[in-house]
Amino acid sequence: MQTHTIAVLVNDHPGVLTRVATLFGQRGFNIDSITVGGTEEQGLSRMIITTGADDRQIQQLMKQLQKLIDVISVTNLSENPYVSRELALIKVSASPSQLAELNGIVEPFRAAIVDVGPTSLIVQVTGDTEKIDALLVLLQSYGVLELTRTGSVAMARSIVPATAAATV
């Protein structure tokens, strides 16, 4: 089983998210992450769903998604190069005297300390799942008090013809 990232373009109507999530559950698929938001076109939303399945299962799931009311298109982003990012906010147990030390840990990850309190601080980090997981490992020794993650947002990369790529 491998992880697949699927983009589902849907009409922005009540109940669409429920119908999509129900389809996954009925077919025995776990949704690893799901994000939903508006698109460049008014009245449409894009769902980015990550799930584990083999190639045959994912093709079947995509066909069944396409049959749902309000689904406009279904794309398996994992079939071609794509960009994927996640946002995490991590509340860490720390005193203000540890601020410089923690800043030294988060800086190489291009993360930022976005809130400092008397007994804790909040780190904001964006990147792929592995990057966020690696930062979490380093912050565990301080005590992670709270964690919230967005799940993946993703988009297919622009395809550049081979001749154009040589000149870029």
N, C-alpha and C. Protein backbone atom coordinates (compact mmCIF):
# COMPACT_ATOMS: atom_id res chain seq x y z
N MET A 1 0.84 -1.19 0.00
CA MET A 1 0.00 0.00 0.00
C MET A 1 0.87 1.24 0.00
N GLN A 2 0.51 2.20 -0.80
CA GLN A 2 1.24 3.45 -0.83
C GLN A 2 0.28 4.61 -0.58
N THR A 3 0.85 5.75 -0.20
CA THR A 3 0.03 6.93 0.05
C THR A 3 -0.26 7.64 -1.26
N HIS A 4 -1.51 7.99 -1.45
CA HIS A 4 -1.94 8.73 -2.64
C HIS A 4 -2.51 10.07 -2.20
N THR A 5 -2.26 11.09 -2.99
CA THR A 5 -2.83 12.42 -2.77
C THR A 5 -3.81 12.69 -3.90
N ILE A 6 -5.06 12.89 -3.54
CA ILE A 6 -6.13 13.05 -4.52
C ILE A 6 -6.71 14.45 -4.41
N ALA A 7 -6.88 15.12 -5.53
CA ALA A 7 -7.56 16.42 -5.59
C ALA A 7 -8.96 16.19 -6.13
N VAL A 8 -9.97 16.67 -5.40
CA VAL A 8 -11.36 16.51 -5.80
C VAL A 8 -11.97 17.91 -5.90
N LEU A 9 -12.34 18.31 -7.10
CA LEU A 9 -12.99 19.60 -7.33
C LEU A 9 -14.49 19.38 -7.21
N VAL A 10 -15.14 20.16 -6.34
CA VAL A 10 -16.56 19.96 -6.04
C VAL A 10 -17.31 21.28 -6.05
N ASN A 11 -18.63 21.18 -6.24
CA ASN A 11 -19.49 22.34 -6.04
C ASN A 11 -19.47 22.67 -4.55
N ASP A 12 -19.46 23.95 -4.24
CA ASP A 12 -19.41 24.40 -2.85
C ASP A 12 -20.84 24.44 -2.29
N HIS A 13 -21.33 23.24 -1.91
CA HIS A 13 -22.68 23.10 -1.38
C HIS A 13 -22.63 22.35 -0.05
N PRO A 14 -23.62 22.59 0.82
CA PRO A 14 -23.68 21.82 2.08
C PRO A 14 -23.81 20.33 1.81
N GLY A 15 -23.11 19.53 2.60
CA GLY A 15 -23.24 18.08 2.52
C GLY A 15 -22.24 17.39 1.61
N VAL A 16 -21.51 18.14 0.78
CA VAL A 16 -20.57 17.52 -0.16
C VAL A 16 -19.43 16.83 0.59
N LEU A 17 -18.89 17.50 1.59
CA LEU A 17 -17.81 16.90 2.37
C LEU A 17 -18.27 15.61 3.04
N THR A 18 -19.47 15.62 3.57
CA THR A 18 -20.01 14.42 4.21
C THR A 18 -20.14 13.27 3.23
N ARG A 19 -20.63 13.55 2.03
CA ARG A 19 -20.79 12.48 1.03
C ARG A 19 -19.43 11.89 0.63
N VAL A 20 -18.43 12.75 0.47
CA VAL A 20 -17.09 12.27 0.09
C VAL A 20 -16.50 11.43 1.23
N ALA A 21 -16.55 11.95 2.45
CA ALA A 21 -15.98 11.22 3.59
C ALA A 21 -16.71 9.90 3.82
N THR A 22 -18.04 9.88 3.63
CA THR A 22 -18.82 8.66 3.80
C THR A 22 -18.41 7.61 2.77
N LEU A 23 -18.16 8.04 1.54
CA LEU A 23 -17.73 7.10 0.51
C LEU A 23 -16.43 6.40 0.93
N PHE A 24 -15.49 7.15 1.46
CA PHE A 24 -14.23 6.57 1.92
C PHE A 24 -14.49 5.53 3.01
N GLY A 25 -15.31 5.89 3.99
CA GLY A 25 -15.61 4.98 5.08
C GLY A 25 -16.32 3.72 4.63
N GLN A 26 -17.29 3.87 3.73
CA GLN A 26 -18.03 2.72 3.23
C GLN A 26 -17.14 1.75 2.46
N ARG A 27 -16.10 2.26 1.83
CA ARG A 27 -15.19 1.42 1.05
C ARG A 27 -14.00 0.92 1.88
N GLY A 28 -13.97 1.29 3.17
CA GLY A 28 -12.92 0.80 4.05
C GLY A 28 -11.60 1.54 3.93
N PHE A 29 -11.63 2.77 3.42
CA PHE A 29 -10.42 3.59 3.30
C PHE A 29 -10.32 4.53 4.48
N ASN A 30 -9.11 4.69 5.00
CA ASN A 30 -8.86 5.68 6.03
C ASN A 30 -8.41 6.97 5.35
N ILE A 31 -8.93 8.09 5.77
CA ILE A 31 -8.47 9.39 5.28
C ILE A 31 -7.35 9.83 6.20
N ASP A 32 -6.11 9.88 5.68
CA ASP A 32 -4.97 10.31 6.48
C ASP A 32 -5.04 11.80 6.75
N SER A 33 -5.39 12.57 5.71
CA SER A 33 -5.62 14.01 5.91
C SER A 33 -6.59 14.48 4.83
N ILE A 34 -7.32 15.53 5.19
CA ILE A 34 -8.24 16.14 4.23
C ILE A 34 -8.27 17.64 4.49
N THR A 35 -8.11 18.40 3.43
CA THR A 35 -8.25 19.85 3.53
C THR A 35 -9.24 20.28 2.45
N VAL A 36 -10.01 21.29 2.75
CA VAL A 36 -11.01 21.79 1.82
C VAL A 36 -10.97 23.30 1.85
N GLY A 37 -11.00 23.89 0.68
CA GLY A 37 -11.03 25.35 0.61
C GLY A 37 -11.51 25.83 -0.74
N GLY A 38 -11.76 27.12 -0.80
CA GLY A 38 -12.22 27.74 -2.04
C GLY A 38 -11.16 27.66 -3.13
N THR A 39 -11.58 27.88 -4.35
CA THR A 39 -10.67 27.83 -5.50
C THR A 39 -10.68 29.17 -6.22
N GLU A 40 -10.00 29.18 -7.35
CA GLU A 40 -9.94 30.38 -8.18
C GLU A 40 -11.29 30.68 -8.82
N GLU A 41 -12.22 29.72 -8.80
CA GLU A 41 -13.53 29.90 -9.40
C GLU A 41 -14.62 29.94 -8.33
N GLN A 42 -15.40 30.99 -8.33
CA GLN A 42 -16.49 31.17 -7.37
C GLN A 42 -17.45 29.98 -7.42
N GLY A 43 -17.83 29.46 -6.26
CA GLY A 43 -18.79 28.38 -6.19
C GLY A 43 -18.19 26.98 -6.22
N LEU A 44 -16.86 26.90 -6.33
CA LEU A 44 -16.19 25.60 -6.33
C LEU A 44 -15.21 25.52 -5.17
N SER A 45 -15.06 24.33 -4.62
CA SER A 45 -14.07 24.06 -3.58
C SER A 45 -13.18 22.92 -4.04
N ARG A 46 -11.98 22.89 -3.51
CA ARG A 46 -11.06 21.80 -3.82
C ARG A 46 -10.74 21.05 -2.53
N MET A 47 -10.90 19.73 -2.57
CA MET A 47 -10.53 18.87 -1.46
C MET A 47 -9.20 18.21 -1.83
N ILE A 48 -8.27 18.22 -0.89
CA ILE A 48 -7.02 17.47 -1.05
C ILE A 48 -7.07 16.37 0.01
N ILE A 49 -7.08 15.13 -0.46
CA ILE A 49 -7.24 13.98 0.43
C ILE A 49 -6.03 13.07 0.28
N THR A 50 -5.42 12.68 1.40
CA THR A 50 -4.37 11.67 1.35
C THR A 50 -4.91 10.39 1.99
N THR A 51 -4.62 9.29 1.33
CA THR A 51 -5.09 7.98 1.79
C THR A 51 -4.13 6.90 1.32
N GLY A 52 -4.17 5.78 1.97
CA GLY A 52 -3.34 4.65 1.58
C GLY A 52 -4.14 3.63 0.79
N ALA A 53 -3.58 3.19 -0.34
CA ALA A 53 -4.25 2.19 -1.18
C ALA A 53 -3.27 1.71 -2.23
N ASP A 54 -3.57 0.55 -2.81
CA ASP A 54 -2.76 0.13 -3.96
C ASP A 54 -3.35 0.78 -5.21
N ASP A 55 -2.67 0.62 -6.35
CA ASP A 55 -3.10 1.30 -7.58
C ASP A 55 -4.50 0.90 -8.02
N ARG A 56 -4.84 -0.38 -7.91
CA ARG A 56 -6.16 -0.84 -8.33
C ARG A 56 -7.24 -0.24 -7.44
N GLN A 57 -7.00 -0.23 -6.14
CA GLN A 57 -7.99 0.32 -5.20
C GLN A 57 -8.20 1.81 -5.43
N ILE A 58 -7.11 2.55 -5.66
CA ILE A 58 -7.24 4.00 -5.83
C ILE A 58 -7.99 4.33 -7.12
N GLN A 59 -7.77 3.54 -8.18
CA GLN A 59 -8.51 3.76 -9.43
C GLN A 59 -10.01 3.54 -9.21
N GLN A 60 -10.36 2.50 -8.47
CA GLN A 60 -11.76 2.21 -8.18
C GLN A 60 -12.38 3.32 -7.34
N LEU A 61 -11.64 3.77 -6.32
CA LEU A 61 -12.12 4.85 -5.47
C LEU A 61 -12.35 6.13 -6.27
N MET A 62 -11.43 6.44 -7.17
CA MET A 62 -11.57 7.65 -7.99
C MET A 62 -12.81 7.57 -8.89
N LYS A 63 -13.08 6.40 -9.45
CA LYS A 63 -14.28 6.22 -10.29
C LYS A 63 -15.55 6.44 -9.47
N GLN A 64 -15.55 5.92 -8.24
CA GLN A 64 -16.72 6.07 -7.39
C GLN A 64 -16.88 7.52 -6.92
N LEU A 65 -15.78 8.21 -6.66
CA LEU A 65 -15.87 9.63 -6.31
C LEU A 65 -16.48 10.43 -7.45
N GLN A 66 -16.07 10.11 -8.69
CA GLN A 66 -16.56 10.84 -9.87
C GLN A 66 -18.07 10.70 -10.03
N LYS A 67 -18.65 9.62 -9.51
CA LYS A 67 -20.10 9.39 -9.62
C LYS A 67 -20.91 10.21 -8.63
N LEU A 68 -20.26 10.76 -7.60
CA LEU A 68 -20.99 11.52 -6.58
C LEU A 68 -21.55 12.81 -7.14
N ILE A 69 -22.74 13.16 -6.66
CA ILE A 69 -23.34 14.44 -7.02
C ILE A 69 -22.43 15.55 -6.51
N ASP A 70 -22.26 16.58 -7.28
CA ASP A 70 -21.46 17.77 -6.96
C ASP A 70 -19.95 17.58 -7.15
N VAL A 71 -19.50 16.40 -7.56
CA VAL A 71 -18.08 16.23 -7.86
C VAL A 71 -17.86 16.60 -9.32
N ILE A 72 -16.95 17.55 -9.54
CA ILE A 72 -16.66 18.03 -10.89
C ILE A 72 -15.53 17.22 -11.51
N SER A 73 -14.44 17.03 -10.77
CA SER A 73 -13.30 16.26 -11.28
C SER A 73 -12.53 15.64 -10.13
N VAL A 74 -11.82 14.55 -10.45
CA VAL A 74 -11.00 13.83 -9.48
C VAL A 74 -9.64 13.59 -10.14
N THR A 75 -8.57 13.97 -9.45
CA THR A 75 -7.22 13.82 -9.99
C THR A 75 -6.32 13.17 -8.95
N ASN A 76 -5.60 12.14 -9.35
CA ASN A 76 -4.60 11.53 -8.48
C ASN A 76 -3.30 12.30 -8.68
N LEU A 77 -3.01 13.23 -7.79
CA LEU A 77 -1.81 14.05 -7.92
C LEU A 77 -0.54 13.21 -7.82
N SER A 78 -0.62 12.07 -7.16
CA SER A 78 0.55 11.22 -6.95
C SER A 78 1.09 10.61 -8.24
N GLU A 79 0.33 10.66 -9.31
CA GLU A 79 0.77 10.08 -10.58
C GLU A 79 1.82 10.92 -11.29
N ASN A 80 1.92 12.19 -10.95
CA ASN A 80 2.86 13.11 -11.58
C ASN A 80 3.51 13.96 -10.50
N PRO A 81 4.56 14.70 -10.84
CA PRO A 81 5.18 15.58 -9.84
C PRO A 81 4.17 16.61 -9.30
N TYR A 82 4.21 16.81 -7.98
CA TYR A 82 3.32 17.78 -7.37
C TYR A 82 4.01 18.41 -6.16
N VAL A 83 3.49 19.54 -5.73
CA VAL A 83 3.99 20.25 -4.56
C VAL A 83 2.97 20.03 -3.45
N SER A 84 3.47 19.68 -2.27
CA SER A 84 2.60 19.44 -1.12
C SER A 84 3.17 20.15 0.09
N ARG A 85 2.33 20.84 0.84
CA ARG A 85 2.75 21.53 2.05
C ARG A 85 1.71 21.34 3.14
N GLU A 86 2.18 21.51 4.36
CA GLU A 86 1.34 21.38 5.54
C GLU A 86 1.74 22.52 6.48
N LEU A 87 0.82 22.95 7.30
CA LEU A 87 1.09 23.97 8.33
C LEU A 87 0.86 23.32 9.68
N ALA A 88 1.75 23.60 10.63
CA ALA A 88 1.56 23.11 11.99
C ALA A 88 1.82 24.24 12.97
N LEU A 89 1.02 24.28 14.03
CA LEU A 89 1.26 25.14 15.18
C LEU A 89 1.57 24.21 16.34
N ILE A 90 2.70 24.45 17.00
CA ILE A 90 3.17 23.57 18.06
C ILE A 90 3.38 24.39 19.32
N LYS A 91 2.63 24.10 20.38
CA LYS A 91 2.81 24.78 21.66
C LYS A 91 3.80 23.96 22.48
N VAL A 92 4.89 24.61 22.89
CA VAL A 92 5.98 23.94 23.59
C VAL A 92 6.13 24.53 24.99
N SER A 93 6.35 23.68 25.96
CA SER A 93 6.62 24.13 27.33
C SER A 93 8.01 24.76 27.36
N ALA A 94 8.06 26.03 27.71
CA ALA A 94 9.35 26.73 27.74
C ALA A 94 9.20 28.05 28.48
N SER A 95 10.28 28.45 29.10
CA SER A 95 10.30 29.76 29.76
C SER A 95 10.91 30.77 28.81
N PRO A 96 10.68 32.06 29.06
CA PRO A 96 11.27 33.08 28.18
C PRO A 96 12.81 32.98 28.11
N SER A 97 13.44 32.45 29.15
CA SER A 97 14.90 32.32 29.12
C SER A 97 15.36 31.27 28.11
N GLN A 98 14.47 30.38 27.69
CA GLN A 98 14.81 29.36 26.70
C GLN A 98 14.53 29.80 25.27
N LEU A 99 14.08 31.04 25.09
CA LEU A 99 13.68 31.55 23.78
C LEU A 99 14.81 31.47 22.76
N ALA A 100 16.00 31.91 23.13
CA ALA A 100 17.13 31.90 22.19
C ALA A 100 17.50 30.46 21.81
N GLU A 101 17.49 29.57 22.78
CA GLU A 101 17.80 28.17 22.54
C GLU A 101 16.80 27.54 21.57
N LEU A 102 15.52 27.78 21.81
CA LEU A 102 14.49 27.23 20.94
C LEU A 102 14.51 27.88 19.56
N ASN A 103 14.83 29.16 19.51
CA ASN A 103 14.93 29.83 18.22
C ASN A 103 16.03 29.19 17.38
N GLY A 104 17.12 28.78 18.01
CA GLY A 104 18.19 28.09 17.32
C GLY A 104 17.75 26.74 16.76
N ILE A 105 16.79 26.10 17.41
CA ILE A 105 16.28 24.82 16.93
C ILE A 105 15.32 25.02 15.75
N VAL A 106 14.43 26.00 15.86
CA VAL A 106 13.40 26.15 14.83
C VAL A 106 13.90 26.88 13.58
N GLU A 107 14.92 27.72 13.72
CA GLU A 107 15.40 28.52 12.59
C GLU A 107 15.84 27.69 11.39
N PRO A 108 16.61 26.59 11.56
CA PRO A 108 16.99 25.80 10.38
C PRO A 108 15.80 25.20 9.62
N PHE A 109 14.66 25.09 10.29
CA PHE A 109 13.46 24.56 9.66
C PHE A 109 12.64 25.66 9.00
N ARG A 110 13.16 26.88 9.03
CA ARG A 110 12.45 28.06 8.54
C ARG A 110 11.10 28.20 9.23
N ALA A 111 11.08 27.80 10.48
CA ALA A 111 9.90 27.95 11.33
C ALA A 111 10.04 29.25 12.10
N ALA A 112 8.98 29.65 12.77
CA ALA A 112 9.00 30.90 13.52
C ALA A 112 8.27 30.73 14.85
N ILE A 113 8.78 31.40 15.85
CA ILE A 113 8.08 31.47 17.14
C ILE A 113 7.10 32.62 17.00
N VAL A 114 5.80 32.31 17.11
CA VAL A 114 4.76 33.30 16.84
C VAL A 114 4.05 33.79 18.09
N ASP A 115 4.33 33.15 19.24
CA ASP A 115 3.73 33.59 20.50
C ASP A 115 4.63 33.13 21.65
N VAL A 116 4.83 34.03 22.61
CA VAL A 116 5.63 33.69 23.79
C VAL A 116 4.82 34.04 25.03
N GLY A 117 4.68 33.07 25.93
CA GLY A 117 4.00 33.28 27.19
C GLY A 117 4.94 32.98 28.34
N PRO A 118 4.47 33.09 29.56
CA PRO A 118 5.34 32.87 30.72
C PRO A 118 5.83 31.42 30.86
N THR A 119 5.04 30.45 30.36
CA THR A 119 5.44 29.05 30.53
C THR A 119 5.44 28.26 29.23
N SER A 120 5.12 28.91 28.12
CA SER A 120 5.08 28.20 26.84
C SER A 120 5.28 29.17 25.69
N LEU A 121 5.52 28.59 24.52
CA LEU A 121 5.58 29.37 23.30
C LEU A 121 4.97 28.56 22.18
N ILE A 122 4.62 29.24 21.09
CA ILE A 122 4.02 28.57 19.94
C ILE A 122 4.93 28.74 18.74
N VAL A 123 5.22 27.62 18.09
CA VAL A 123 6.05 27.59 16.89
C VAL A 123 5.14 27.33 15.70
N GLN A 124 5.36 28.08 14.62
CA GLN A 124 4.65 27.87 13.36
C GLN A 124 5.64 27.34 12.35
N VAL A 125 5.27 26.25 11.67
CA VAL A 125 6.14 25.66 10.65
C VAL A 125 5.31 25.22 9.46
N THR A 126 5.85 25.44 8.26
CA THR A 126 5.21 24.94 7.04
C THR A 126 6.23 24.08 6.29
N GLY A 127 5.73 23.12 5.57
CA GLY A 127 6.61 22.26 4.78
C GLY A 127 5.96 20.92 4.54
N ASP A 128 6.77 19.98 4.07
CA ASP A 128 6.21 18.65 3.87
C ASP A 128 6.10 17.92 5.20
N THR A 129 5.40 16.83 5.19
CA THR A 129 5.11 16.09 6.42
C THR A 129 6.38 15.67 7.14
N GLU A 130 7.38 15.23 6.39
CA GLU A 130 8.64 14.77 6.99
C GLU A 130 9.36 15.90 7.73
N LYS A 131 9.33 17.09 7.17
CA LYS A 131 9.97 18.25 7.81
C LYS A 131 9.29 18.55 9.15
N ILE A 132 7.98 18.56 9.15
CA ILE A 132 7.24 18.86 10.38
C ILE A 132 7.48 17.77 11.42
N ASP A 133 7.48 16.52 10.98
CA ASP A 133 7.75 15.41 11.89
C ASP A 133 9.15 15.53 12.51
N ALA A 134 10.14 15.93 11.70
CA ALA A 134 11.51 16.07 12.20
C ALA A 134 11.61 17.17 13.25
N LEU A 135 10.93 18.29 13.04
CA LEU A 135 10.93 19.36 14.03
C LEU A 135 10.25 18.90 15.31
N LEU A 136 9.16 18.17 15.18
CA LEU A 136 8.45 17.66 16.36
C LEU A 136 9.36 16.77 17.22
N VAL A 137 10.17 15.95 16.58
CA VAL A 137 11.09 15.09 17.32
C VAL A 137 12.03 15.94 18.16
N LEU A 138 12.55 17.02 17.59
CA LEU A 138 13.48 17.89 18.33
C LEU A 138 12.79 18.64 19.47
N LEU A 139 11.53 18.97 19.29
CA LEU A 139 10.81 19.73 20.32
C LEU A 139 10.24 18.85 21.43
N GLN A 140 10.20 17.54 21.23
CA GLN A 140 9.64 16.63 22.24
C GLN A 140 10.34 16.76 23.59
N SER A 141 11.65 16.98 23.60
CA SER A 141 12.37 17.05 24.87
C SER A 141 11.95 18.26 25.71
N TYR A 142 11.38 19.28 25.09
CA TYR A 142 10.89 20.45 25.83
C TYR A 142 9.49 20.21 26.36
N GLY A 143 8.78 19.31 25.73
CA GLY A 143 7.40 19.02 26.11
C GLY A 143 6.43 19.70 25.17
N VAL A 144 5.87 18.94 24.26
CA VAL A 144 4.86 19.48 23.34
C VAL A 144 3.52 19.45 24.09
N LEU A 145 2.97 20.63 24.34
CA LEU A 145 1.72 20.76 25.09
C LEU A 145 0.49 20.62 24.20
N GLU A 146 0.64 21.09 22.97
CA GLU A 146 -0.50 21.07 22.05
C GLU A 146 0.04 21.12 20.63
N LEU A 147 -0.66 20.44 19.73
CA LEU A 147 -0.26 20.39 18.33
C LEU A 147 -1.50 20.43 17.46
N THR A 148 -1.45 21.25 16.43
CA THR A 148 -2.51 21.24 15.44
C THR A 148 -1.86 21.33 14.07
N ARG A 149 -2.36 20.50 13.14
CA ARG A 149 -1.82 20.43 11.78
C ARG A 149 -2.95 20.58 10.78
N THR A 150 -2.64 21.19 9.65
CA THR A 150 -3.67 21.40 8.64
C THR A 150 -3.96 20.19 7.79
N GLY A 151 -3.02 19.28 7.67
CA GLY A 151 -3.11 18.25 6.64
C GLY A 151 -2.52 18.84 5.37
N SER A 152 -2.31 18.01 4.40
CA SER A 152 -1.64 18.44 3.17
C SER A 152 -2.53 19.29 2.29
N VAL A 153 -1.94 20.31 1.72
CA VAL A 153 -2.52 21.00 0.57
C VAL A 153 -1.54 20.72 -0.56
N ALA A 154 -2.05 20.52 -1.75
CA ALA A 154 -1.18 20.09 -2.84
C ALA A 154 -1.66 20.64 -4.16
N MET A 155 -0.72 20.70 -5.11
CA MET A 155 -1.02 21.18 -6.45
C MET A 155 -0.04 20.53 -7.41
N ALA A 156 -0.53 20.15 -8.58
CA ALA A 156 0.34 19.57 -9.60
C ALA A 156 1.36 20.61 -10.04
N ARG A 157 2.58 20.14 -10.24
CA ARG A 157 3.62 21.03 -10.75
C ARG A 157 3.33 21.37 -12.21
N SER A 158 3.81 22.52 -12.63
CA SER A 158 3.73 22.89 -14.05
C SER A 158 4.64 21.96 -14.82
N ILE A 159 4.17 21.48 -15.93
CA ILE A 159 4.98 20.60 -16.76
C ILE A 159 5.74 21.47 -17.74
N VAL A 160 7.06 21.36 -17.69
CA VAL A 160 7.92 22.16 -18.56
C VAL A 160 8.48 21.25 -19.63
N PRO A 161 8.29 21.62 -20.93
CA PRO A 161 8.88 20.80 -21.99
C PRO A 161 10.38 20.67 -21.81
N ALA A 162 10.95 19.54 -22.23
CA ALA A 162 12.38 19.26 -22.03
C ALA A 162 13.26 20.34 -22.63
N THR A 163 12.89 20.91 -23.77
CA THR A 163 13.71 21.94 -24.41
C THR A 163 13.69 23.22 -23.58
N ALA A 164 12.54 23.56 -23.00
CA ALA A 164 12.44 24.76 -22.17
C ALA A 164 13.18 24.58 -20.86
N ALA A 165 13.17 23.36 -20.32
CA ALA A 165 13.83 23.08 -19.05
C ALA A 165 15.34 23.30 -19.16
N ALA A 166 15.89 23.03 -20.31
CA ALA A 166 17.34 23.20 -20.50
C ALA A 166 17.74 24.66 -20.47
N THR A 167 16.82 25.56 -20.82
CA THR A 167 17.16 26.99 -20.85
C THR A 167 16.82 27.71 -19.57
N VAL A 168 16.07 27.07 -18.69
CA VAL A 168 15.64 27.72 -17.43
C VAL A 168 16.76 27.76 -16.44
